[in-house]
Structure formats: C-alpha cells, structure tokens
Amino acid sequence: KSYGNDFKILFAQGIPAEYPPFGGIISSWISNLIGGSDKNSIDNFFVENKNLKEFKDTVNFLLLSDESESDKNIKGKLENIIADFFISITKNHKIILTASDIHWADGISLDVCKLLAKSDIMLLLYSRPSENIKQLDEIKSIRILNLGALTLKETTDYLHLIIKSDISKKWINNLFEQTQGVFLHLTQVIDSGLIASLSA
C-alpha cells in the first residue's frame, strides 16, 4: 500500500517451503512493490525506475523462475542482491516491510531480513515460537516482542470488551478450544464477521 509518493508498506505472508520461491515472502514483497508478478509489470517498473535496472535479472529470476534463465546472469550472493534492491528503493521511498508466519520462511528470506534490519528499512515480522527464527535474535537492531497465548479468562474478558451482547460460556469455550487463545487467531475470527453471528 502506498501512502503518497514517498511512503510504502509492503505485505507478505510466509507459506511452507514446499511452495517456492522463497516461502512467498521475498517474492510477495517485490510483486507488491512493482505492482504485479508478470513480465509486463516487471518491464514497466524498470522502465520507470531506470536507476534500478541492475536488479532486473534478479527480479525476473525471483518472480518468473519457471520462465526465465536470468539466474545465470546473477552475480553475487542472492540475499545480498535482494537486500541491496530494497535498500536502493529507500533513496526515493520510505518502506515498511511486514510479514506474517515467518516461522515458515526459508534461509534466504531470513538472511535478507537480517541484512535489512541493519538498514533504514523498518521490518514488522510475526511468527509463532520456532527454532527457525532464533537466528534473528543475534541482530541487535531487532526487538523481539513475545506475545503469549491468552488464558481462558483473558479470552473471556477480551470478548466481553469488544462484544456488547451476551455470550454463552459454551461458545467462549468452543472458541478458546479452536484458537488456543492465540490472539492472531482470535482477531481473524473477529475480522471475518463470524463472531457477530455466533454471539447473536
């Protein structure tokens, strides 16, 4: 999403590694930035951003890997090139990169995040507890906020705060059992509108 001409927020969601390329995070950030993942979108982006043309082979490889052999033209470590691409964007735009489910991220995606954490780009990364992301603890500029699951009482109190009508204990217990008190899952149920019909 673009806020004016100089401020962009790019969203991505990690998906299991068997869905290439790179767990969906890197390719999602790039496709959101350039406005698509097809050849025309890529070509148009680099026509409008001639100062970034050195990254075109890398973007082609990341987004069109089934159709392109441009990876043969990539010189250097892929994670460094990807990080340099985003850092180069910040000369004209302020960027916030967000990603959920990074516990599914592959090694290159996490390496890119570590490199970007040392730049002026803001990262907001969401994850379940996972051994996969422990390497991010090593980066001093990354602040980890651990949000544990809510207890049944905390879930009940939270639901009473946001729902003015009466809610049955049975319904709350069912919701707690399904979400295990994970706040993200609770908010997804609330945002879906399902909670209104269930609590009516």
Protein backbone atom coordinates (compact mmCIF):
# COMPACT_ATOMS: atom_id res chain seq x y z
CA LYS A 1 0.00 0.00 0.00
CA SER A 2 1.31 3.44 -0.92
CA TYR A 3 0.86 6.46 1.32
CA GLY A 4 1.62 9.35 -1.02
CA ASN A 5 4.60 9.22 -3.33
CA ASP A 6 7.26 8.60 -0.72
CA PHE A 7 5.90 6.05 1.75
CA LYS A 8 5.10 2.40 1.05
CA ILE A 9 4.06 -0.56 3.21
CA LEU A 10 4.64 -3.96 1.63
CA PHE A 11 2.83 -7.01 2.99
CA ALA A 12 3.73 -10.67 2.70
CA GLN A 13 2.80 -13.97 4.28
CA GLY A 14 5.13 -16.85 4.78
CA ILE A 15 3.97 -20.17 3.39
CA PRO A 16 5.51 -23.61 3.80
CA ALA A 17 8.78 -24.12 1.97
CA GLU A 18 7.31 -26.59 -0.50
CA TYR A 19 5.65 -23.60 -2.20
CA PRO A 20 8.52 -21.77 -3.94
CA PRO A 21 10.04 -19.31 -4.42
CA PHE A 22 11.46 -18.50 -1.04
CA GLY A 23 8.44 -19.17 1.14
CA GLY A 24 6.46 -16.44 -0.59
CA ILE A 25 7.90 -13.59 1.50
CA ILE A 26 10.56 -12.12 -0.80
CA SER A 27 8.54 -12.60 -4.00
CA SER A 28 5.43 -11.09 -2.34
CA TRP A 29 7.32 -8.00 -1.19
CA ILE A 30 8.75 -7.49 -4.67
CA SER A 31 5.49 -8.12 -6.56
CA ASN A 32 3.64 -5.74 -4.21
CA LEU A 33 6.31 -3.12 -4.78
CA ILE A 34 6.29 -3.31 -8.58
CA GLY A 35 2.54 -3.83 -8.91
CA GLY A 36 2.45 -7.41 -10.17
CA SER A 37 4.45 -10.57 -10.80
CA ASP A 38 4.11 -10.83 -14.59
CA LYS A 39 6.65 -9.86 -17.23
CA ASN A 40 4.80 -6.67 -18.25
CA SER A 41 4.70 -5.39 -14.65
CA ILE A 42 8.41 -6.07 -14.26
CA ASP A 43 9.29 -4.39 -17.56
CA ASN A 44 7.15 -1.34 -16.77
CA PHE A 45 8.67 -1.00 -13.30
CA PHE A 46 12.21 -0.96 -14.64
CA VAL A 47 11.28 1.47 -17.45
CA GLU A 48 10.01 3.86 -14.77
CA ASN A 49 12.95 3.14 -12.44
CA LYS A 50 15.98 3.11 -14.73
CA ASN A 51 18.27 3.65 -11.74
CA LEU A 52 17.38 0.13 -10.56
CA LYS A 53 17.97 -1.71 -13.87
CA GLU A 54 20.92 -3.64 -12.40
CA PHE A 55 18.37 -5.62 -10.33
CA LYS A 56 16.13 -6.64 -13.24
CA ASP A 57 17.73 -10.06 -13.75
CA THR A 58 17.29 -10.85 -10.06
CA VAL A 59 13.62 -9.76 -10.07
CA ASN A 60 12.99 -11.82 -13.23
CA PHE A 61 14.53 -14.83 -11.53
CA LEU A 62 12.51 -14.40 -8.33
CA LEU A 63 9.14 -13.79 -9.99
CA LEU A 64 9.49 -15.67 -13.28
CA SER A 65 11.80 -18.51 -12.32
CA ASP A 66 9.76 -21.05 -14.31
CA GLU A 67 10.02 -18.96 -17.48
CA SER A 68 13.42 -17.35 -17.20
CA GLU A 69 17.03 -18.40 -17.16
CA SER A 70 18.11 -14.99 -15.91
CA ASP A 71 19.56 -16.56 -12.75
CA LYS A 72 22.61 -17.32 -14.89
CA ASN A 73 23.17 -13.57 -15.11
CA ILE A 74 23.03 -13.01 -11.35
CA LYS A 75 26.44 -12.20 -9.98
CA GLY A 76 26.94 -12.34 -6.24
CA LYS A 77 25.03 -13.80 -3.31
CA LEU A 78 21.30 -13.70 -3.94
CA GLU A 79 20.40 -12.48 -0.44
CA ASN A 80 22.84 -9.55 -0.73
CA ILE A 81 21.40 -8.53 -4.11
CA ILE A 82 17.82 -8.69 -2.80
CA ALA A 83 18.72 -6.60 0.25
CA ASP A 84 20.54 -4.06 -1.94
CA PHE A 85 17.43 -3.82 -4.15
CA PHE A 86 15.19 -2.85 -1.24
CA ILE A 87 17.80 -0.52 0.22
CA SER A 88 18.13 1.21 -3.17
CA ILE A 89 14.35 1.78 -3.18
CA THR A 90 14.68 3.75 0.07
CA LYS A 91 16.55 6.51 -1.74
CA ASN A 92 13.14 7.60 -3.09
CA HIS A 93 10.62 5.91 -0.80
CA LYS A 94 10.34 5.14 2.89
CA ILE A 95 9.48 1.45 3.23
CA ILE A 96 7.97 -0.75 5.92
CA LEU A 97 8.16 -4.47 5.18
CA THR A 98 5.74 -6.70 7.05
CA ALA A 99 5.45 -10.48 7.01
CA SER A 100 3.39 -12.95 8.96
CA ASP A 101 4.12 -16.63 9.59
CA ILE A 102 7.86 -16.18 9.17
CA HIS A 103 8.37 -19.42 11.09
CA TRP A 104 7.85 -20.93 7.62
CA ALA A 105 10.47 -18.72 5.99
CA ASP A 106 13.41 -20.27 4.17
CA GLY A 107 17.05 -19.49 4.93
CA ILE A 108 17.49 -16.88 2.18
CA SER A 109 14.42 -14.94 3.34
CA LEU A 110 15.72 -14.87 6.91
CA ASP A 111 19.19 -13.83 5.70
CA VAL A 112 17.59 -10.96 3.75
CA CYS A 113 15.68 -9.91 6.87
CA LYS A 114 18.91 -9.88 8.86
CA LEU A 115 20.59 -7.67 6.26
CA LEU A 116 17.63 -5.30 6.03
CA ALA A 117 17.47 -5.00 9.82
CA LYS A 118 20.80 -3.16 9.61
CA SER A 119 19.37 -0.62 7.14
CA ASP A 120 16.85 2.22 7.47
CA ILE A 121 14.00 -0.09 6.42
CA MET A 122 11.51 -0.95 9.16
CA LEU A 123 10.57 -4.62 9.46
CA LEU A 124 7.49 -5.94 11.25
CA LEU A 125 7.72 -9.73 11.39
CA TYR A 126 5.20 -12.05 13.01
CA SER A 127 5.91 -15.62 13.98
CA ARG A 128 4.88 -18.47 16.17
CA PRO A 129 7.62 -19.68 18.52
CA SER A 130 10.05 -21.54 16.28
CA GLU A 131 13.63 -22.73 16.16
CA ASN A 132 13.69 -21.46 12.59
CA ILE A 133 13.76 -17.79 13.59
CA LYS A 134 16.19 -17.95 16.51
CA GLN A 135 18.93 -16.61 14.23
CA LEU A 136 17.12 -13.25 14.25
CA ASP A 137 17.89 -12.96 17.97
CA GLU A 138 21.52 -12.31 17.03
CA ILE A 139 20.69 -8.96 15.39
CA LYS A 140 20.93 -6.17 17.95
CA SER A 141 18.65 -3.86 15.96
CA ILE A 142 15.79 -6.39 16.03
CA ARG A 143 13.49 -6.13 19.02
CA ILE A 144 11.57 -9.31 19.75
CA LEU A 145 8.18 -8.96 21.40
CA ASN A 146 6.89 -12.28 22.69
CA LEU A 147 3.11 -12.35 22.85
CA GLY A 148 1.94 -15.47 24.60
CA ALA A 149 -1.47 -17.05 24.14
CA LEU A 150 -4.36 -15.75 26.24
CA THR A 151 -5.77 -17.82 29.05
CA LEU A 152 -9.44 -18.78 29.03
CA LYS A 153 -10.19 -15.97 31.49
CA GLU A 154 -8.24 -13.43 29.40
CA THR A 155 -10.05 -14.61 26.25
CA THR A 156 -13.40 -14.23 28.04
CA ASP A 157 -12.52 -10.73 29.30
CA TYR A 158 -11.33 -9.68 25.84
CA LEU A 159 -14.53 -10.91 24.14
CA HIS A 160 -16.69 -9.09 26.69
CA LEU A 161 -14.78 -5.89 25.93
CA ILE A 162 -15.47 -5.97 22.21
CA ILE A 163 -18.92 -7.62 22.14
CA LYS A 164 -21.70 -5.80 23.89
CA SER A 165 -24.26 -8.62 23.69
CA ASP A 166 -24.29 -11.64 25.97
CA ILE A 167 -22.00 -14.53 25.03
CA SER A 168 -22.57 -18.03 26.26
CA LYS A 169 -19.85 -19.81 28.20
CA LYS A 170 -20.19 -22.75 25.84
CA TRP A 171 -19.47 -20.55 22.82
CA ILE A 172 -16.45 -18.95 24.52
CA ASN A 173 -15.10 -22.37 25.49
CA ASN A 174 -15.50 -23.61 21.91
CA LEU A 175 -13.74 -20.55 20.53
CA PHE A 176 -10.93 -20.90 23.05
CA GLU A 177 -10.53 -24.57 22.21
CA GLN A 178 -10.32 -23.79 18.48
CA THR A 179 -7.90 -20.85 18.78
CA GLN A 180 -5.95 -21.99 21.86
CA GLY A 181 -6.04 -18.36 22.95
CA VAL A 182 -3.71 -17.28 20.14
CA PHE A 183 -4.52 -13.60 19.72
CA LEU A 184 -3.94 -13.59 15.95
CA HIS A 185 -6.48 -16.38 15.51
CA LEU A 186 -8.99 -14.57 17.72
CA THR A 187 -8.68 -11.38 15.69
CA GLN A 188 -9.08 -13.33 12.44
CA VAL A 189 -12.38 -14.72 13.70
CA ILE A 190 -13.46 -11.23 14.77
CA ASP A 191 -12.40 -9.59 11.49
CA SER A 192 -14.24 -12.23 9.47
CA GLY A 193 -17.55 -11.12 10.98
CA LEU A 194 -18.22 -14.67 12.09
CA ILE A 195 -18.13 -13.68 15.74
CA ALA A 196 -21.18 -11.43 15.38
CA SER A 197 -23.39 -14.22 14.07
CA LEU A 198 -22.10 -16.74 16.59
CA SER A 199 -22.64 -14.44 19.56
CA ALA A 200 -26.10 -13.28 18.48
